[in-house]
Amino acid sequence: MVRPPLSPEERERGRRLGALLREARGARTPGEVAAASGVSLEALRKIESGRVPTPAFFTVAALARALDLPLDALAAALAEPRTALSA
């Protein structure tokens, strides 16, 4: 099955997801977060840069858990453009 191209809104949400994850990572290195989450360093880098705008739910959940970031806070932040995390 061929997946339809992503909409501009989906691409923007992916960029926001990456920015929110970078913000939540703080001073931790990408390698530290990758190791703590079980997500590959390359996948984390792609998500943070927006090159993977729609990562799998379990990937996002693993990253959120490693970053002590509640999924509901992440979802709320992604629902509104330019919303910072307040978790």
C-alpha atoms as a PDB file:
ATOM      1  CA  MET A   1       0.000   0.000   0.000  1.00  0.00           C
ATOM      2  CA  VAL A   2       1.350   3.401  -0.975  1.00  0.00           C
ATOM      3  CA  ARG A   3       1.068   6.035   1.715  1.00  0.00           C
ATOM      4  CA  PRO A   4      -0.188   9.448   0.543  1.00  0.00           C
ATOM      5  CA  PRO A   5       2.225  12.361   0.898  1.00  0.00           C
ATOM      6  CA  LEU A   6       2.237  14.169   4.217  1.00  0.00           C
ATOM      7  CA  SER A   7       0.307  17.398   4.480  1.00  0.00           C
ATOM      8  CA  PRO A   8       2.092  20.628   5.380  1.00  0.00           C
ATOM      9  CA  GLU A   9       0.375  20.431   8.787  1.00  0.00           C
ATOM     10  CA  GLU A  10       1.770  16.936   9.404  1.00  0.00           C
ATOM     11  CA  ARG A  11       5.252  18.098   8.442  1.00  0.00           C
ATOM     12  CA  GLU A  12       4.967  21.104  10.765  1.00  0.00           C
ATOM     13  CA  ARG A  13       3.758  18.893  13.617  1.00  0.00           C
ATOM     14  CA  GLY A  14       6.825  16.693  13.040  1.00  0.00           C
ATOM     15  CA  ARG A  15       9.111  19.710  13.257  1.00  0.00           C
ATOM     16  CA  ARG A  16       7.392  20.779  16.482  1.00  0.00           C
ATOM     17  CA  LEU A  17       7.734  17.266  17.904  1.00  0.00           C
ATOM     18  CA  GLY A  18      11.470  17.357  17.218  1.00  0.00           C
ATOM     19  CA  ALA A  19      11.824  20.776  18.833  1.00  0.00           C
ATOM     20  CA  LEU A  20       9.840  19.693  21.894  1.00  0.00           C
ATOM     21  CA  LEU A  21      11.967  16.580  22.320  1.00  0.00           C
ATOM     22  CA  ARG A  22      15.175  18.620  22.021  1.00  0.00           C
ATOM     23  CA  GLU A  23      13.808  21.058  24.619  1.00  0.00           C
ATOM     24  CA  ALA A  24      12.902  18.220  26.981  1.00  0.00           C
ATOM     25  CA  ARG A  25      16.325  16.611  26.470  1.00  0.00           C
ATOM     26  CA  GLY A  26      17.978  19.704  27.980  1.00  0.00           C
ATOM     27  CA  ALA A  27      21.663  19.137  28.724  1.00  0.00           C
ATOM     28  CA  ARG A  28      21.496  15.395  28.054  1.00  0.00           C
ATOM     29  CA  THR A  29      23.216  14.254  24.900  1.00  0.00           C
ATOM     30  CA  PRO A  30      21.265  12.549  22.119  1.00  0.00           C
ATOM     31  CA  GLY A  31      23.304   9.423  22.849  1.00  0.00           C
ATOM     32  CA  GLU A  32      22.197   9.407  26.485  1.00  0.00           C
ATOM     33  CA  VAL A  33      18.533   9.733  25.513  1.00  0.00           C
ATOM     34  CA  ALA A  34      18.866   7.106  22.793  1.00  0.00           C
ATOM     35  CA  ALA A  35      20.415   4.644  25.241  1.00  0.00           C
ATOM     36  CA  ALA A  36      17.820   5.351  27.936  1.00  0.00           C
ATOM     37  CA  SER A  37      14.906   4.989  25.521  1.00  0.00           C
ATOM     38  CA  GLY A  38      16.107   2.083  23.399  1.00  0.00           C
ATOM     39  CA  VAL A  39      15.608   4.218  20.285  1.00  0.00           C
ATOM     40  CA  SER A  40      18.572   4.300  17.935  1.00  0.00           C
ATOM     41  CA  LEU A  41      20.680   7.440  17.910  1.00  0.00           C
ATOM     42  CA  GLU A  42      20.067   7.843  14.183  1.00  0.00           C
ATOM     43  CA  ALA A  43      16.285   7.582  14.648  1.00  0.00           C
ATOM     44  CA  LEU A  44      16.391  10.147  17.464  1.00  0.00           C
ATOM     45  CA  ARG A  45      18.421  12.532  15.322  1.00  0.00           C
ATOM     46  CA  LYS A  46      15.976  12.152  12.440  1.00  0.00           C
ATOM     47  CA  ILE A  47      12.988  12.774  14.703  1.00  0.00           C
ATOM     48  CA  GLU A  48      14.607  15.792  16.372  1.00  0.00           C
ATOM     49  CA  SER A  49      15.490  17.301  12.985  1.00  0.00           C
ATOM     50  CA  GLY A  50      11.993  16.731  11.583  1.00  0.00           C
ATOM     51  CA  ARG A  51      13.182  14.290   8.926  1.00  0.00           C
ATOM     52  CA  VAL A  52      10.843  11.663  10.437  1.00  0.00           C
ATOM     53  CA  PRO A  53       7.701  13.719  11.011  1.00  0.00           C
ATOM     54  CA  THR A  54       5.468  10.775  11.943  1.00  0.00           C
ATOM     55  CA  PRO A  55       7.445   8.379  14.141  1.00  0.00           C
ATOM     56  CA  ALA A  56       5.694   5.299  15.488  1.00  0.00           C
ATOM     57  CA  PHE A  57       3.708   5.743  18.697  1.00  0.00           C
ATOM     58  CA  PHE A  58       5.903   3.313  20.629  1.00  0.00           C
ATOM     59  CA  THR A  59       9.006   5.271  19.572  1.00  0.00           C
ATOM     60  CA  VAL A  60       7.492   8.512  20.848  1.00  0.00           C
ATOM     61  CA  ALA A  61       6.329   6.777  24.032  1.00  0.00           C
ATOM     62  CA  ALA A  62       9.829   5.375  24.679  1.00  0.00           C
ATOM     63  CA  LEU A  63      11.401   8.801  24.173  1.00  0.00           C
ATOM     64  CA  ALA A  64       8.802  10.476  26.382  1.00  0.00           C
ATOM     65  CA  ARG A  65       9.429   7.921  29.132  1.00  0.00           C
ATOM     66  CA  ALA A  66      13.208   8.438  28.925  1.00  0.00           C
ATOM     67  CA  LEU A  67      12.705  12.205  29.095  1.00  0.00           C
ATOM     68  CA  ASP A  68      10.188  12.032  31.979  1.00  0.00           C
ATOM     69  CA  LEU A  69       7.726  13.726  29.664  1.00  0.00           C
ATOM     70  CA  PRO A  70       4.048  12.847  30.123  1.00  0.00           C
ATOM     71  CA  LEU A  71       2.472  11.804  26.830  1.00  0.00           C
ATOM     72  CA  ASP A  72      -0.584  13.948  27.518  1.00  0.00           C
ATOM     73  CA  ALA A  73       1.633  17.040  27.908  1.00  0.00           C
ATOM     74  CA  LEU A  74       3.415  16.204  24.668  1.00  0.00           C
ATOM     75  CA  ALA A  75       0.122  15.658  22.829  1.00  0.00           C
ATOM     76  CA  ALA A  76      -1.276  18.934  24.162  1.00  0.00           C
ATOM     77  CA  ALA A  77       1.850  20.809  23.104  1.00  0.00           C
ATOM     78  CA  LEU A  78       1.616  19.340  19.606  1.00  0.00           C
ATOM     79  CA  ALA A  79      -2.078  20.238  19.328  1.00  0.00           C
ATOM     80  CA  GLU A  80      -1.289  23.941  19.514  1.00  0.00           C
ATOM     81  CA  PRO A  81       1.386  25.570  17.339  1.00  0.00           C
ATOM     82  CA  ARG A  82       4.355  27.077  19.175  1.00  0.00           C
ATOM     83  CA  THR A  83       3.335  25.701  22.579  1.00  0.00           C
ATOM     84  CA  ALA A  84       6.182  25.039  24.989  1.00  0.00           C
ATOM     85  CA  LEU A  85       6.173  22.076  27.331  1.00  0.00           C
ATOM     86  CA  SER A  86       5.174  22.836  30.880  1.00  0.00           C
ATOM     87  CA  ALA A  87       5.729  19.396  32.362  1.00  0.00           C
END
